[in-house]
Amino acid sequence: MSQTNGIPSSGPPGTGPGPSASPLSVAVPPPPPPPVPLQPPPFPPAGPPPLPPAGPPAAGLPLAPPPPPFPYPPPPPQGAPVYRVKAPVNGLAIASLVVGILAVCASWVLPYDYLIFGIPAMFLGMGGIQQAQHLPRRSRTMATVGVLLGAVGGIISLIVFGAA
């Protein structure tokens, strides 16, 4: 180590600070290079992802599931509206059936059931059978059952309570 003007020098003699150097000067390192601006990450391309190449799938890769079916059936074609026609009703056949059921149910309780329910059920049923000639088969069946229930109710009433 050599000394120049009382300042130690770490280099060979004659290489220390010169006459213009101050005793307190310190070597400053050069400034760092300017930072490199960061590049933004690349954005994915707009639109749907590209389709895989056509051909059989590679071994070991699962197949994609099929798309779900459409949740609702297609609407019916537009046209003239469909109107349903109600079947005609045979009121006498319905009345005969109701009164015949009442005749059988009341024949165990009322002594004169055959007069109150049995005979009217039979007459209503006969009228319903005559009306049923121009109506569907179902109304004729109801009238026939009403006649039979009225007769059965009257017979049960006569057996249970006698001729009273």
Protein backbone atom coordinates (compact mmCIF):
# COMPACT_ATOMS: atom_id res chain seq x y z
CA MET A 1 0.00 0.00 0.00
CA SER A 2 1.31 3.35 -0.91
CA GLN A 3 0.37 6.75 0.37
CA THR A 4 -0.12 9.90 -1.60
CA ASN A 5 -0.64 13.13 0.30
CA GLY A 6 -1.43 11.12 3.39
CA ILE A 7 -4.21 9.11 1.68
CA PRO A 8 -3.62 5.44 1.43
CA SER A 9 -3.87 3.95 -2.03
CA SER A 10 -4.64 0.33 -2.71
CA GLY A 11 -3.15 0.29 -6.18
CA PRO A 12 0.43 0.49 -7.44
CA PRO A 13 2.33 3.73 -6.73
CA GLY A 14 1.33 6.65 -8.95
CA THR A 15 -2.11 5.29 -9.64
CA GLY A 16 -3.90 6.76 -6.66
CA PRO A 17 -6.04 9.80 -6.64
CA GLY A 18 -4.57 12.63 -8.60
CA PRO A 19 -4.13 16.23 -7.59
CA SER A 20 -7.79 16.99 -8.47
CA ALA A 21 -9.22 14.20 -6.33
CA SER A 22 -10.53 15.19 -2.95
CA PRO A 23 -9.66 13.15 0.08
CA LEU A 24 -13.36 12.23 0.66
CA SER A 25 -14.27 11.11 -2.86
CA VAL A 26 -15.44 7.55 -3.24
CA ALA A 27 -15.62 5.57 -6.41
CA VAL A 28 -19.24 5.37 -7.59
CA PRO A 29 -20.26 2.30 -9.50
CA PRO A 30 -21.74 2.88 -12.92
CA PRO A 31 -25.59 3.14 -12.96
CA PRO A 32 -27.46 -0.12 -13.64
CA PRO A 33 -28.81 -0.58 -17.13
CA PRO A 34 -32.41 0.57 -17.60
CA PRO A 35 -34.95 -2.16 -16.88
CA VAL A 36 -36.33 -4.02 -19.85
CA PRO A 37 -40.06 -3.24 -20.17
CA LEU A 38 -42.18 -6.31 -19.40
CA GLN A 39 -44.16 -7.69 -22.27
CA PRO A 40 -47.89 -8.28 -21.53
CA PRO A 41 -48.91 -11.93 -21.66
CA PRO A 42 -50.27 -12.93 -25.05
CA PHE A 43 -54.06 -13.08 -25.20
CA PRO A 44 -55.80 -16.18 -26.56
CA PRO A 45 -57.28 -15.72 -30.02
CA ALA A 46 -60.90 -14.58 -30.15
CA GLY A 47 -63.58 -17.10 -31.08
CA PRO A 48 -64.10 -20.78 -30.34
CA PRO A 49 -61.08 -23.00 -29.83
CA PRO A 50 -59.82 -24.76 -32.93
CA LEU A 51 -61.26 -28.20 -33.65
CA PRO A 52 -59.03 -31.24 -33.30
CA PRO A 53 -57.96 -32.89 -36.52
CA ALA A 54 -60.40 -35.37 -38.01
CA GLY A 55 -59.75 -39.04 -37.59
CA PRO A 56 -59.92 -41.64 -34.85
CA PRO A 57 -59.00 -40.39 -31.38
CA ALA A 58 -55.61 -41.19 -30.00
CA ALA A 59 -55.39 -44.29 -27.86
CA GLY A 60 -56.20 -43.64 -24.22
CA LEU A 61 -58.10 -40.39 -24.77
CA PRO A 62 -61.81 -40.47 -23.86
CA LEU A 63 -64.43 -39.48 -26.38
CA ALA A 64 -66.40 -36.32 -25.74
CA PRO A 65 -69.96 -36.93 -24.46
CA PRO A 66 -72.75 -36.35 -26.98
CA PRO A 67 -74.63 -33.05 -26.71
CA PRO A 68 -77.74 -33.17 -24.50
CA PRO A 69 -81.07 -33.66 -26.30
CA PHE A 70 -83.34 -30.69 -26.79
CA PRO A 71 -85.42 -30.38 -23.58
CA TYR A 72 -88.80 -29.73 -25.19
CA PRO A 73 -90.57 -31.36 -28.13
CA PRO A 74 -91.19 -29.17 -31.15
CA PRO A 75 -94.50 -27.32 -31.19
CA PRO A 76 -97.37 -28.92 -33.12
CA PRO A 77 -98.00 -27.62 -36.61
CA GLN A 78 -100.43 -24.75 -36.75
CA GLY A 79 -103.77 -25.51 -38.31
CA ALA A 80 -107.43 -25.49 -37.54
CA PRO A 81 -108.11 -26.06 -33.82
CA VAL A 82 -109.56 -29.41 -32.84
CA TYR A 83 -112.83 -29.27 -30.98
CA ARG A 84 -114.16 -32.25 -29.07
CA VAL A 85 -117.84 -32.98 -29.30
CA LYS A 86 -119.49 -34.09 -26.08
CA ALA A 87 -121.47 -37.29 -26.23
CA PRO A 88 -125.19 -36.75 -25.68
CA VAL A 89 -126.42 -37.52 -22.18
CA ASN A 90 -129.39 -39.72 -21.33
CA GLY A 91 -130.83 -38.10 -18.20
CA LEU A 92 -133.43 -40.83 -17.60
CA ALA A 93 -130.73 -43.54 -17.62
CA ILE A 94 -128.63 -41.62 -15.07
CA ALA A 95 -131.67 -40.98 -12.85
CA SER A 96 -132.65 -44.67 -13.04
CA LEU A 97 -129.16 -45.75 -11.99
CA VAL A 98 -129.06 -43.31 -9.03
CA VAL A 99 -132.54 -44.22 -7.77
CA GLY A 100 -131.80 -47.96 -8.23
CA ILE A 101 -128.66 -47.64 -6.07
CA LEU A 102 -130.73 -45.85 -3.41
CA ALA A 103 -133.36 -48.62 -3.62
CA VAL A 104 -130.80 -51.34 -2.83
CA CYS A 105 -129.19 -49.32 -0.02
CA ALA A 106 -132.50 -48.34 1.61
CA SER A 107 -134.14 -51.77 1.21
CA TRP A 108 -132.53 -52.89 4.47
CA VAL A 109 -133.87 -49.89 6.41
CA LEU A 110 -137.17 -48.66 4.97
CA PRO A 111 -140.19 -50.97 4.99
CA TYR A 112 -141.85 -49.41 1.91
CA ASP A 113 -138.68 -49.00 -0.08
CA TYR A 114 -140.12 -50.69 -3.15
CA LEU A 115 -142.75 -47.93 -3.38
CA ILE A 116 -140.33 -45.03 -2.71
CA PHE A 117 -137.30 -46.12 -4.78
CA GLY A 118 -137.84 -49.52 -6.48
CA ILE A 119 -140.81 -48.78 -8.73
CA PRO A 120 -139.59 -45.26 -9.78
CA ALA A 121 -136.15 -46.72 -10.66
CA MET A 122 -137.82 -49.30 -12.91
CA PHE A 123 -139.99 -46.73 -14.71
CA LEU A 124 -137.10 -44.30 -15.18
CA GLY A 125 -134.97 -47.16 -16.53
CA MET A 126 -137.60 -48.18 -19.07
CA GLY A 127 -137.86 -44.61 -20.30
CA GLY A 128 -134.05 -44.43 -20.48
CA ILE A 129 -133.92 -47.61 -22.58
CA GLN A 130 -136.36 -46.07 -25.07
CA GLN A 131 -134.28 -42.87 -25.28
CA ALA A 132 -131.07 -44.89 -25.66
CA GLN A 133 -132.08 -46.15 -29.13
CA HIS A 134 -130.56 -42.95 -30.58
CA LEU A 135 -127.66 -42.62 -28.14
CA PRO A 136 -124.44 -44.52 -27.43
CA ARG A 137 -124.51 -48.00 -25.90
CA ARG A 138 -123.30 -46.75 -22.51
CA SER A 139 -126.58 -44.93 -21.77
CA ARG A 140 -128.62 -48.08 -22.53
CA THR A 141 -126.46 -50.06 -20.11
CA MET A 142 -126.98 -47.48 -17.33
CA ALA A 143 -130.76 -47.63 -17.85
CA THR A 144 -130.78 -51.45 -17.76
CA VAL A 145 -128.72 -51.52 -14.56
CA GLY A 146 -131.10 -48.96 -13.00
CA VAL A 147 -134.11 -51.20 -13.79
CA LEU A 148 -132.38 -54.24 -12.30
CA LEU A 149 -131.27 -52.40 -9.12
CA GLY A 150 -134.81 -51.03 -8.60
CA ALA A 151 -136.27 -54.55 -8.92
CA VAL A 152 -133.63 -56.07 -6.60
CA GLY A 153 -134.16 -53.31 -4.02
CA GLY A 154 -137.93 -53.89 -4.06
CA ILE A 155 -137.52 -57.67 -3.71
CA ILE A 156 -135.09 -57.29 -0.78
CA SER A 157 -137.48 -54.85 0.90
CA LEU A 158 -140.40 -57.28 0.53
CA ILE A 159 -138.32 -60.18 1.89
CA VAL A 160 -136.95 -58.28 4.89
CA PHE A 161 -140.15 -56.53 5.96
CA GLY A 162 -142.75 -58.87 4.48
CA ALA A 163 -145.85 -57.58 2.75
CA ALA A 164 -146.43 -55.25 5.72
